[in-house]
Amino acid sequence: MLISPAYAQAAGGGQDMLMSLAPLVLIFVVFYFLLIRPQQKRMKDHKAMLAALRRGDKVVTGGGIIGTVARVPNDDEVVVDIADGVRVRVLRGTITSILTKGTGDDGGADAEKPAKAGK
């Protein structure tokens, strides 16, 4: 009896389908460990840095402005001294890094102590 090619191909199709999905699964695993996981860690570190923001910290904003935190009025805003007598209100999320940590109580007398760099 003759077997048509369609029936012959259908007999071993289960393992072929698994082997065709293996490269896609491998690509997803590589993307997770090389792209997604490090980005999540960076976001977590940035969020922790913003939560630890205190008066006297020397910061850099997203626009590249360097200033000293004068006060933290609420959870969303920070008042930053950018020059003598010039204060601006910036959103906390726009602060990209902390250059030096202040003491938090006297407005930055301890400006020589460097902040821990987030990676």
C-alpha atoms as a PDB file:
ATOM      1  CA  MET A   1       0.000   0.000   0.000  1.00  0.00           C
ATOM      2  CA  LEU A   2       1.274   3.454  -0.853  1.00  0.00           C
ATOM      3  CA  ILE A   3       1.451   6.196   1.792  1.00  0.00           C
ATOM      4  CA  SER A   4       0.928   9.737   0.610  1.00  0.00           C
ATOM      5  CA  PRO A   5       3.630  12.307   1.518  1.00  0.00           C
ATOM      6  CA  ALA A   6       1.166  14.264   3.674  1.00  0.00           C
ATOM      7  CA  TYR A   7       0.594  11.331   6.047  1.00  0.00           C
ATOM      8  CA  ALA A   8       4.288  10.519   6.161  1.00  0.00           C
ATOM      9  CA  GLN A   9       5.194  14.086   7.230  1.00  0.00           C
ATOM     10  CA  ALA A  10       2.478  14.243   9.874  1.00  0.00           C
ATOM     11  CA  ALA A  11       3.792  11.148  11.646  1.00  0.00           C
ATOM     12  CA  GLY A  12       6.972  12.845  13.004  1.00  0.00           C
ATOM     13  CA  GLY A  13       5.726  16.464  13.257  1.00  0.00           C
ATOM     14  CA  GLY A  14       5.711  16.737  17.080  1.00  0.00           C
ATOM     15  CA  GLN A  15       9.450  16.663  17.571  1.00  0.00           C
ATOM     16  CA  ASP A  16      10.102  18.903  14.560  1.00  0.00           C
ATOM     17  CA  MET A  17       7.829  21.565  16.034  1.00  0.00           C
ATOM     18  CA  LEU A  18       9.698  21.434  19.344  1.00  0.00           C
ATOM     19  CA  MET A  19      13.026  21.794  17.569  1.00  0.00           C
ATOM     20  CA  SER A  20      11.753  24.773  15.591  1.00  0.00           C
ATOM     21  CA  LEU A  21      10.706  26.578  18.801  1.00  0.00           C
ATOM     22  CA  ALA A  22      14.015  25.947  20.595  1.00  0.00           C
ATOM     23  CA  PRO A  23      15.908  28.829  18.875  1.00  0.00           C
ATOM     24  CA  LEU A  24      13.105  31.267  19.752  1.00  0.00           C
ATOM     25  CA  VAL A  25      13.197  30.223  23.393  1.00  0.00           C
ATOM     26  CA  LEU A  26      16.984  30.530  23.401  1.00  0.00           C
ATOM     27  CA  ILE A  27      16.784  34.042  21.917  1.00  0.00           C
ATOM     28  CA  PHE A  28      14.262  35.099  24.578  1.00  0.00           C
ATOM     29  CA  VAL A  29      16.496  33.775  27.388  1.00  0.00           C
ATOM     30  CA  VAL A  30      19.509  35.644  25.986  1.00  0.00           C
ATOM     31  CA  PHE A  31      17.490  38.879  25.670  1.00  0.00           C
ATOM     32  CA  TYR A  32      16.238  38.511  29.235  1.00  0.00           C
ATOM     33  CA  PHE A  33      19.694  38.139  30.760  1.00  0.00           C
ATOM     34  CA  LEU A  34      21.458  40.682  28.524  1.00  0.00           C
ATOM     35  CA  LEU A  35      18.805  43.411  28.192  1.00  0.00           C
ATOM     36  CA  ILE A  36      15.742  43.123  30.400  1.00  0.00           C
ATOM     37  CA  ARG A  37      17.277  42.109  33.725  1.00  0.00           C
ATOM     38  CA  PRO A  38      20.079  44.741  33.753  1.00  0.00           C
ATOM     39  CA  GLN A  39      17.570  47.465  32.835  1.00  0.00           C
ATOM     40  CA  GLN A  40      15.303  46.451  35.717  1.00  0.00           C
ATOM     41  CA  LYS A  41      18.284  46.545  38.092  1.00  0.00           C
ATOM     42  CA  ARG A  42      19.266  50.014  36.839  1.00  0.00           C
ATOM     43  CA  MET A  43      15.705  51.283  37.374  1.00  0.00           C
ATOM     44  CA  LYS A  44      15.635  49.823  40.891  1.00  0.00           C
ATOM     45  CA  ASP A  45      18.982  51.468  41.770  1.00  0.00           C
ATOM     46  CA  HIS A  46      17.813  54.848  40.380  1.00  0.00           C
ATOM     47  CA  LYS A  47      14.586  54.646  42.374  1.00  0.00           C
ATOM     48  CA  ALA A  48      16.562  53.884  45.563  1.00  0.00           C
ATOM     49  CA  MET A  49      18.915  56.795  44.824  1.00  0.00           C
ATOM     50  CA  LEU A  50      15.966  59.180  44.463  1.00  0.00           C
ATOM     51  CA  ALA A  51      14.414  57.893  47.684  1.00  0.00           C
ATOM     52  CA  ALA A  52      17.674  58.634  49.545  1.00  0.00           C
ATOM     53  CA  LEU A  53      17.866  62.216  48.226  1.00  0.00           C
ATOM     54  CA  ARG A  54      18.466  64.665  51.100  1.00  0.00           C
ATOM     55  CA  ARG A  55      19.129  68.336  51.678  1.00  0.00           C
ATOM     56  CA  GLY A  56      22.717  69.275  50.876  1.00  0.00           C
ATOM     57  CA  ASP A  57      23.224  66.642  48.167  1.00  0.00           C
ATOM     58  CA  LYS A  58      24.949  67.905  45.031  1.00  0.00           C
ATOM     59  CA  VAL A  59      22.918  66.600  42.074  1.00  0.00           C
ATOM     60  CA  VAL A  60      22.790  66.616  38.287  1.00  0.00           C
ATOM     61  CA  THR A  61      19.407  67.069  36.596  1.00  0.00           C
ATOM     62  CA  GLY A  62      18.304  65.543  33.319  1.00  0.00           C
ATOM     63  CA  GLY A  63      19.060  68.832  31.568  1.00  0.00           C
ATOM     64  CA  GLY A  64      22.649  68.795  32.792  1.00  0.00           C
ATOM     65  CA  ILE A  65      22.235  71.439  35.491  1.00  0.00           C
ATOM     66  CA  ILE A  66      24.392  70.882  38.561  1.00  0.00           C
ATOM     67  CA  GLY A  67      23.054  72.170  41.852  1.00  0.00           C
ATOM     68  CA  THR A  68      22.637  71.555  45.558  1.00  0.00           C
ATOM     69  CA  VAL A  69      19.379  70.345  47.063  1.00  0.00           C
ATOM     70  CA  ALA A  70      17.989  73.148  49.219  1.00  0.00           C
ATOM     71  CA  ARG A  71      14.877  71.335  50.392  1.00  0.00           C
ATOM     72  CA  VAL A  72      12.549  68.477  49.533  1.00  0.00           C
ATOM     73  CA  PRO A  73       9.004  69.846  49.853  1.00  0.00           C
ATOM     74  CA  ASN A  74       7.187  66.639  48.837  1.00  0.00           C
ATOM     75  CA  ASP A  75       7.678  63.260  47.185  1.00  0.00           C
ATOM     76  CA  ASP A  76       7.545  64.656  43.641  1.00  0.00           C
ATOM     77  CA  GLU A  77       9.551  67.897  43.771  1.00  0.00           C
ATOM     78  CA  VAL A  78      12.983  69.054  44.889  1.00  0.00           C
ATOM     79  CA  VAL A  79      14.184  72.657  45.278  1.00  0.00           C
ATOM     80  CA  VAL A  80      17.724  72.983  43.917  1.00  0.00           C
ATOM     81  CA  ASP A  81      20.185  75.898  44.301  1.00  0.00           C
ATOM     82  CA  ILE A  82      21.902  76.343  40.941  1.00  0.00           C
ATOM     83  CA  ALA A  83      23.631  79.672  41.696  1.00  0.00           C
ATOM     84  CA  ASP A  84      23.803  82.233  44.486  1.00  0.00           C
ATOM     85  CA  GLY A  85      20.222  83.257  45.177  1.00  0.00           C
ATOM     86  CA  VAL A  86      18.811  81.154  42.312  1.00  0.00           C
ATOM     87  CA  ARG A  87      16.557  78.254  43.270  1.00  0.00           C
ATOM     88  CA  VAL A  88      14.573  76.109  40.903  1.00  0.00           C
ATOM     89  CA  ARG A  89      11.961  73.459  41.527  1.00  0.00           C
ATOM     90  CA  VAL A  90      12.597  70.262  39.622  1.00  0.00           C
ATOM     91  CA  LEU A  91      10.794  66.965  39.512  1.00  0.00           C
ATOM     92  CA  ARG A  92      12.513  64.301  41.551  1.00  0.00           C
ATOM     93  CA  GLY A  93      12.480  61.890  38.589  1.00  0.00           C
ATOM     94  CA  THR A  94      14.578  64.252  36.452  1.00  0.00           C
ATOM     95  CA  ILE A  95      17.571  63.960  38.778  1.00  0.00           C
ATOM     96  CA  THR A  96      20.005  61.646  37.038  1.00  0.00           C
ATOM     97  CA  SER A  97      22.785  61.323  39.606  1.00  0.00           C
ATOM     98  CA  ILE A  98      24.039  62.448  42.988  1.00  0.00           C
ATOM     99  CA  LEU A  99      27.587  63.821  42.821  1.00  0.00           C
ATOM    100  CA  THR A 100      28.210  64.250  46.550  1.00  0.00           C
ATOM    101  CA  LYS A 101      26.159  63.503  49.621  1.00  0.00           C
ATOM    102  CA  GLY A 102      25.407  66.253  52.097  1.00  0.00           C
ATOM    103  CA  THR A 103      24.757  65.774  55.777  1.00  0.00           C
ATOM    104  CA  GLY A 104      21.054  66.433  55.387  1.00  0.00           C
ATOM    105  CA  ASP A 105      20.757  68.818  58.341  1.00  0.00           C
ATOM    106  CA  ASP A 106      23.043  71.801  57.775  1.00  0.00           C
ATOM    107  CA  GLY A 107      22.702  72.260  54.030  1.00  0.00           C
ATOM    108  CA  GLY A 108      25.783  70.477  52.778  1.00  0.00           C
ATOM    109  CA  ALA A 109      28.744  71.137  55.061  1.00  0.00           C
ATOM    110  CA  ASP A 110      30.063  67.658  54.215  1.00  0.00           C
ATOM    111  CA  ALA A 111      30.392  68.192  50.463  1.00  0.00           C
ATOM    112  CA  GLU A 112      33.728  66.391  50.209  1.00  0.00           C
ATOM    113  CA  LYS A 113      32.313  62.913  50.793  1.00  0.00           C
ATOM    114  CA  PRO A 114      31.592  61.285  47.382  1.00  0.00           C
ATOM    115  CA  ALA A 115      28.340  59.455  46.737  1.00  0.00           C
ATOM    116  CA  LYS A 116      28.193  55.764  45.926  1.00  0.00           C
ATOM    117  CA  ALA A 117      28.080  55.372  42.136  1.00  0.00           C
ATOM    118  CA  GLY A 118      25.076  53.439  40.813  1.00  0.00           C
ATOM    119  CA  LYS A 119      25.762  50.970  38.001  1.00  0.00           C
END
